[in-house]
């Protein structure tokens, strides 16, 4: 969850800097400043990714928590597909245990999001599908032992959770897009 905290902190710092800059440019200068100089100095939007700023402002309620958990699942999936086990950074068991824990948490948060009305019931239904698919693995089986159809069903349910996040106004962060690209997904 440190990635989520770091992302949230960065967005708050950026928002504070933007507010301070806008306030300073509006209140300083008085009558001697040219109006065009003030308007040309406020081009800060180009330096801040709008998705991140929007995500942090819009993301509220239980849907925000459910989507943050989903984004962590997505990052783990990208790392797994990118060879985190082959590189020796994690073991198959660690990946499986973390994924199981995250999917369990996704189910809890998705149920809360549906209950408070910040997400549609499809989010919970697909989170349950993901949990059911992973539940088919025996204790000593690794993720790579999921059959191709089960892998496809897991990926489909995962994308549907992402679509629920999109409908809740919480788009996939740029960090996840980059991780997917790096993993070849």
C-alpha atoms as a PDB file:
ATOM      1  CA  UNK A   1       0.000   0.000   0.000  1.00  0.00           C
ATOM      2  CA  UNK A   2       3.007   2.321   0.098  1.00  0.00           C
ATOM      3  CA  UNK A   3       2.604   2.976  -3.637  1.00  0.00           C
ATOM      4  CA  UNK A   4      -0.926   4.210  -3.030  1.00  0.00           C
ATOM      5  CA  UNK A   5       0.206   6.462  -0.189  1.00  0.00           C
ATOM      6  CA  UNK A   6       3.073   7.825  -2.269  1.00  0.00           C
ATOM      7  CA  UNK A   7       0.755   8.474  -5.224  1.00  0.00           C
ATOM      8  CA  UNK A   8      -1.762  10.228  -2.978  1.00  0.00           C
ATOM      9  CA  UNK A   9       0.978  12.328  -1.315  1.00  0.00           C
ATOM     10  CA  UNK A  10       2.418  13.336  -4.683  1.00  0.00           C
ATOM     11  CA  UNK A  11      -1.009  14.404  -5.927  1.00  0.00           C
ATOM     12  CA  UNK A  12      -1.648  16.460  -2.784  1.00  0.00           C
ATOM     13  CA  UNK A  13       1.747  18.157  -3.044  1.00  0.00           C
ATOM     14  CA  UNK A  14       1.124  18.923  -6.712  1.00  0.00           C
ATOM     15  CA  UNK A  15      -2.331  20.305  -5.946  1.00  0.00           C
ATOM     16  CA  UNK A  16      -0.913  22.471  -3.148  1.00  0.00           C
ATOM     17  CA  UNK A  17       1.840  23.793  -5.427  1.00  0.00           C
ATOM     18  CA  UNK A  18      -0.700  24.562  -8.138  1.00  0.00           C
ATOM     19  CA  UNK A  19      -2.951  26.379  -5.681  1.00  0.00           C
ATOM     20  CA  UNK A  20      -0.058  28.392  -4.252  1.00  0.00           C
ATOM     21  CA  UNK A  21       1.183  29.357  -7.713  1.00  0.00           C
ATOM     22  CA  UNK A  22      -2.261  30.412  -8.898  1.00  0.00           C
ATOM     23  CA  UNK A  23      -2.881  32.378  -5.698  1.00  0.00           C
ATOM     24  CA  UNK A  24       0.516  34.074  -5.918  1.00  0.00           C
ATOM     25  CA  UNK A  25       0.109  34.989  -9.571  1.00  0.00           C
ATOM     26  CA  UNK A  26      -3.365  36.390  -8.960  1.00  0.00           C
ATOM     27  CA  UNK A  27      -2.540  38.442  -5.855  1.00  0.00           C
ATOM     28  CA  UNK A  28       0.898  39.796  -6.766  1.00  0.00           C
ATOM     29  CA  UNK A  29       1.724  42.506  -9.213  1.00  0.00           C
ATOM     30  CA  UNK A  30      -1.154  44.898  -8.530  1.00  0.00           C
ATOM     31  CA  UNK A  31      -1.705  47.525 -11.225  1.00  0.00           C
ATOM     32  CA  UNK A  32       1.882  47.513 -12.538  1.00  0.00           C
ATOM     33  CA  UNK A  33       1.732  43.940 -13.857  1.00  0.00           C
ATOM     34  CA  UNK A  34       0.499  43.309 -17.345  1.00  0.00           C
ATOM     35  CA  UNK A  35      -2.519  41.003 -17.566  1.00  0.00           C
ATOM     36  CA  UNK A  36      -0.906  38.940 -20.330  1.00  0.00           C
ATOM     37  CA  UNK A  37       2.149  38.228 -18.177  1.00  0.00           C
ATOM     38  CA  UNK A  38      -0.042  36.683 -15.485  1.00  0.00           C
ATOM     39  CA  UNK A  39      -1.967  34.499 -17.902  1.00  0.00           C
ATOM     40  CA  UNK A  40       1.129  33.225 -19.688  1.00  0.00           C
ATOM     41  CA  UNK A  41       2.756  32.216 -16.401  1.00  0.00           C
ATOM     42  CA  UNK A  42      -0.097  29.877 -15.472  1.00  0.00           C
ATOM     43  CA  UNK A  43       0.696  26.980 -17.779  1.00  0.00           C
ATOM     44  CA  UNK A  44       1.135  24.504 -14.930  1.00  0.00           C
ATOM     45  CA  UNK A  45      -1.464  22.088 -16.284  1.00  0.00           C
ATOM     46  CA  UNK A  46       1.032  20.911 -18.896  1.00  0.00           C
ATOM     47  CA  UNK A  47       3.459  19.756 -16.195  1.00  0.00           C
ATOM     48  CA  UNK A  48       0.942  17.815 -14.087  1.00  0.00           C
ATOM     49  CA  UNK A  49      -0.629  14.630 -15.389  1.00  0.00           C
ATOM     50  CA  UNK A  50      -4.334  15.355 -15.345  1.00  0.00           C
ATOM     51  CA  UNK A  51      -5.233  11.711 -14.733  1.00  0.00           C
ATOM     52  CA  UNK A  52      -3.355  11.602 -11.440  1.00  0.00           C
ATOM     53  CA  UNK A  53      -4.741  14.905 -10.188  1.00  0.00           C
ATOM     54  CA  UNK A  54      -8.263  13.998 -11.296  1.00  0.00           C
ATOM     55  CA  UNK A  55      -7.987  10.496  -9.875  1.00  0.00           C
ATOM     56  CA  UNK A  56      -7.069  11.754  -6.425  1.00  0.00           C
ATOM     57  CA  UNK A  57      -9.782  14.418  -6.385  1.00  0.00           C
ATOM     58  CA  UNK A  58     -12.578  12.243  -7.807  1.00  0.00           C
ATOM     59  CA  UNK A  59     -11.685   8.976  -6.069  1.00  0.00           C
ATOM     60  CA  UNK A  60     -13.881   8.851  -2.975  1.00  0.00           C
ATOM     61  CA  UNK A  61     -15.863   6.265  -1.064  1.00  0.00           C
ATOM     62  CA  UNK A  62     -15.379   2.549  -0.952  1.00  0.00           C
ATOM     63  CA  UNK A  63     -14.993   2.371  -4.735  1.00  0.00           C
ATOM     64  CA  UNK A  64     -11.732   4.278  -4.400  1.00  0.00           C
ATOM     65  CA  UNK A  65     -10.394   1.696  -1.961  1.00  0.00           C
ATOM     66  CA  UNK A  66     -11.583  -1.198  -4.129  1.00  0.00           C
ATOM     67  CA  UNK A  67      -9.943   0.299  -7.201  1.00  0.00           C
ATOM     68  CA  UNK A  68      -6.699   0.959  -5.335  1.00  0.00           C
ATOM     69  CA  UNK A  69      -6.614  -2.728  -4.370  1.00  0.00           C
ATOM     70  CA  UNK A  70      -7.380  -3.668  -7.978  1.00  0.00           C
ATOM     71  CA  UNK A  71      -4.527  -1.452  -9.186  1.00  0.00           C
ATOM     72  CA  UNK A  72      -2.185  -3.308  -6.814  1.00  0.00           C
ATOM     73  CA  UNK A  73      -3.424  -6.628  -8.262  1.00  0.00           C
ATOM     74  CA  UNK A  74      -2.793  -5.282 -11.745  1.00  0.00           C
ATOM     75  CA  UNK A  75       0.749  -4.197 -10.835  1.00  0.00           C
ATOM     76  CA  UNK A  76       1.467  -7.626  -9.326  1.00  0.00           C
ATOM     77  CA  UNK A  77       0.079  -9.335 -12.418  1.00  0.00           C
ATOM     78  CA  UNK A  78       2.268  -7.152 -14.652  1.00  0.00           C
ATOM     79  CA  UNK A  79       5.322  -7.915 -12.511  1.00  0.00           C
ATOM     80  CA  UNK A  80       4.543 -11.646 -12.668  1.00  0.00           C
ATOM     81  CA  UNK A  81       4.089 -11.535 -16.438  1.00  0.00           C
ATOM     82  CA  UNK A  82       7.279  -9.479 -16.694  1.00  0.00           C
ATOM     83  CA  UNK A  83       9.316 -12.209 -15.006  1.00  0.00           C
ATOM     84  CA  UNK A  84       9.582 -11.160 -11.369  1.00  0.00           C
ATOM     85  CA  UNK A  85       9.965 -14.835 -10.426  1.00  0.00           C
ATOM     86  CA  UNK A  86      12.559 -15.590 -13.111  1.00  0.00           C
ATOM     87  CA  UNK A  87      14.554 -12.556 -11.982  1.00  0.00           C
ATOM     88  CA  UNK A  88      14.543 -13.882  -8.420  1.00  0.00           C
ATOM     89  CA  UNK A  89      12.759 -10.885  -6.899  1.00  0.00           C
ATOM     90  CA  UNK A  90       9.857 -13.052  -5.678  1.00  0.00           C
ATOM     91  CA  UNK A  91       9.054 -16.739  -5.452  1.00  0.00           C
ATOM     92  CA  UNK A  92       6.004 -18.372  -7.013  1.00  0.00           C
ATOM     93  CA  UNK A  93       4.611 -18.888  -3.512  1.00  0.00           C
ATOM     94  CA  UNK A  94       5.070 -15.204  -2.610  1.00  0.00           C
ATOM     95  CA  UNK A  95       3.295 -14.066  -5.757  1.00  0.00           C
ATOM     96  CA  UNK A  96       0.452 -16.525  -5.202  1.00  0.00           C
ATOM     97  CA  UNK A  97       0.057 -15.595  -1.518  1.00  0.00           C
ATOM     98  CA  UNK A  98       0.089 -11.870  -2.248  1.00  0.00           C
ATOM     99  CA  UNK A  99      -2.374 -12.241  -5.121  1.00  0.00           C
ATOM    100  CA  UNK A 100      -4.740 -14.329  -2.965  1.00  0.00           C
ATOM    101  CA  UNK A 101      -4.584 -11.725  -0.176  1.00  0.00           C
ATOM    102  CA  UNK A 102      -5.195  -8.846  -2.600  1.00  0.00           C
ATOM    103  CA  UNK A 103      -8.145 -10.602  -4.264  1.00  0.00           C
ATOM    104  CA  UNK A 104      -9.654 -11.295  -0.823  1.00  0.00           C
ATOM    105  CA  UNK A 105      -9.259  -7.598   0.036  1.00  0.00           C
ATOM    106  CA  UNK A 106     -10.749  -6.632  -3.340  1.00  0.00           C
ATOM    107  CA  UNK A 107     -13.850  -8.663  -2.505  1.00  0.00           C
ATOM    108  CA  UNK A 108     -14.237  -6.922   0.863  1.00  0.00           C
ATOM    109  CA  UNK A 109     -13.776  -3.453  -0.644  1.00  0.00           C
ATOM    110  CA  UNK A 110     -15.981  -4.191  -3.683  1.00  0.00           C
ATOM    111  CA  UNK A 111     -18.804  -5.346  -1.390  1.00  0.00           C
ATOM    112  CA  UNK A 112     -18.478  -2.106   0.591  1.00  0.00           C
ATOM    113  CA  UNK A 113     -18.442  -0.080  -2.645  1.00  0.00           C
ATOM    114  CA  UNK A 114     -21.612  -1.739  -3.881  1.00  0.00           C
ATOM    115  CA  UNK A 115     -23.230  -1.224  -0.464  1.00  0.00           C
ATOM    116  CA  UNK A 116     -22.432   2.503  -0.374  1.00  0.00           C
ATOM    117  CA  UNK A 117     -23.414   2.964  -4.030  1.00  0.00           C
ATOM    118  CA  UNK A 118     -20.022   4.167  -5.290  1.00  0.00           C
ATOM    119  CA  UNK A 119     -19.569   1.119  -7.558  1.00  0.00           C
ATOM    120  CA  UNK A 120     -21.854  -1.055  -9.602  1.00  0.00           C
ATOM    121  CA  UNK A 121     -22.651  -4.683  -8.655  1.00  0.00           C
ATOM    122  CA  UNK A 122     -20.536  -5.900 -11.579  1.00  0.00           C
ATOM    123  CA  UNK A 123     -17.395  -4.983  -9.651  1.00  0.00           C
ATOM    124  CA  UNK A 124     -18.260  -7.395  -6.851  1.00  0.00           C
ATOM    125  CA  UNK A 125     -19.441 -10.130  -9.222  1.00  0.00           C
ATOM    126  CA  UNK A 126     -16.140 -10.053 -11.104  1.00  0.00           C
ATOM    127  CA  UNK A 127     -14.060  -9.852  -7.932  1.00  0.00           C
ATOM    128  CA  UNK A 128     -15.848 -13.006  -6.770  1.00  0.00           C
ATOM    129  CA  UNK A 129     -15.066 -14.675 -10.113  1.00  0.00           C
ATOM    130  CA  UNK A 130     -11.387 -13.837  -9.683  1.00  0.00           C
ATOM    131  CA  UNK A 131     -11.454 -15.320  -6.174  1.00  0.00           C
ATOM    132  CA  UNK A 132     -13.235 -18.465  -7.370  1.00  0.00           C
ATOM    133  CA  UNK A 133     -10.684 -19.038 -10.143  1.00  0.00           C
ATOM    134  CA  UNK A 134      -7.755 -18.667  -7.759  1.00  0.00           C
ATOM    135  CA  UNK A 135      -9.545 -20.916  -5.280  1.00  0.00           C
ATOM    136  CA  UNK A 136      -9.305 -23.770  -7.764  1.00  0.00           C
ATOM    137  CA  UNK A 137      -5.556 -23.902  -7.235  1.00  0.00           C
ATOM    138  CA  UNK A 138      -4.450 -26.543  -4.783  1.00  0.00           C
ATOM    139  CA  UNK A 139      -2.242 -25.513  -1.888  1.00  0.00           C
ATOM    140  CA  UNK A 140       1.005 -26.560  -3.574  1.00  0.00           C
ATOM    141  CA  UNK A 141       0.082 -25.399  -7.090  1.00  0.00           C
ATOM    142  CA  UNK A 142       1.529 -22.208  -8.541  1.00  0.00           C
ATOM    143  CA  UNK A 143      -0.240 -19.576 -10.604  1.00  0.00           C
ATOM    144  CA  UNK A 144       1.387 -20.903 -13.762  1.00  0.00           C
ATOM    145  CA  UNK A 145      -0.581 -24.126 -13.251  1.00  0.00           C
ATOM    146  CA  UNK A 146      -3.886 -22.414 -13.997  1.00  0.00           C
ATOM    147  CA  UNK A 147      -5.256 -23.763 -17.261  1.00  0.00           C
ATOM    148  CA  UNK A 148      -5.378 -21.454 -20.287  1.00  0.00           C
ATOM    149  CA  UNK A 149      -9.191 -21.119 -20.076  1.00  0.00           C
ATOM    150  CA  UNK A 150      -8.939 -20.248 -16.366  1.00  0.00           C
ATOM    151  CA  UNK A 151      -6.223 -17.689 -17.102  1.00  0.00           C
ATOM    152  CA  UNK A 152      -8.456 -16.158 -19.774  1.00  0.00           C
ATOM    153  CA  UNK A 153     -11.460 -16.048 -17.410  1.00  0.00           C
ATOM    154  CA  UNK A 154      -9.306 -14.426 -14.718  1.00  0.00           C
ATOM    155  CA  UNK A 155      -8.063 -11.812 -17.205  1.00  0.00           C
ATOM    156  CA  UNK A 156     -11.624 -11.133 -18.395  1.00  0.00           C
ATOM    157  CA  UNK A 157     -12.940 -10.719 -14.835  1.00  0.00           C
ATOM    158  CA  UNK A 158      -9.973  -8.483 -14.042  1.00  0.00           C
ATOM    159  CA  UNK A 159     -10.688  -6.228 -17.025  1.00  0.00           C
ATOM    160  CA  UNK A 160     -14.320  -6.025 -15.983  1.00  0.00           C
ATOM    161  CA  UNK A 161     -13.266  -4.812 -12.526  1.00  0.00           C
ATOM    162  CA  UNK A 162     -11.156  -2.192 -14.286  1.00  0.00           C
ATOM    163  CA  UNK A 163     -14.219  -1.171 -16.326  1.00  0.00           C
ATOM    164  CA  UNK A 164     -16.183  -0.807 -13.077  1.00  0.00           C
ATOM    165  CA  UNK A 165     -13.438   1.466 -11.762  1.00  0.00           C
ATOM    166  CA  UNK A 166     -13.639   3.514 -14.960  1.00  0.00           C
ATOM    167  CA  UNK A 167     -17.413   3.864 -14.533  1.00  0.00           C
ATOM    168  CA  UNK A 168     -16.843   4.986 -10.931  1.00  0.00           C
ATOM    169  CA  UNK A 169     -14.584   7.741 -12.265  1.00  0.00           C
ATOM    170  CA  UNK A 170     -11.318   6.091 -11.215  1.00  0.00           C
ATOM    171  CA  UNK A 171      -9.159   5.431 -14.292  1.00  0.00           C
ATOM    172  CA  UNK A 172      -6.160   3.121 -14.462  1.00  0.00           C
ATOM    173  CA  UNK A 173      -3.082   5.041 -13.242  1.00  0.00           C
ATOM    174  CA  UNK A 174      -0.238   5.760 -15.653  1.00  0.00           C
ATOM    175  CA  UNK A 175       2.023   3.613 -13.456  1.00  0.00           C
ATOM    176  CA  UNK A 176      -0.107   0.554 -14.265  1.00  0.00           C
ATOM    177  CA  UNK A 177      -0.154   1.328 -17.981  1.00  0.00           C
ATOM    178  CA  UNK A 178       3.639   1.581 -17.942  1.00  0.00           C
ATOM    179  CA  UNK A 179       3.953  -1.706 -16.014  1.00  0.00           C
ATOM    180  CA  UNK A 180       1.671  -3.471 -18.488  1.00  0.00           C
ATOM    181  CA  UNK A 181       3.679  -2.171 -21.427  1.00  0.00           C
ATOM    182  CA  UNK A 182       6.969  -3.210 -19.832  1.00  0.00           C
ATOM    183  CA  UNK A 183       5.563  -6.711 -19.221  1.00  0.00           C
ATOM    184  CA  UNK A 184       4.339  -7.004 -22.788  1.00  0.00           C
ATOM    185  CA  UNK A 185       0.661  -7.126 -21.850  1.00  0.00           C
END
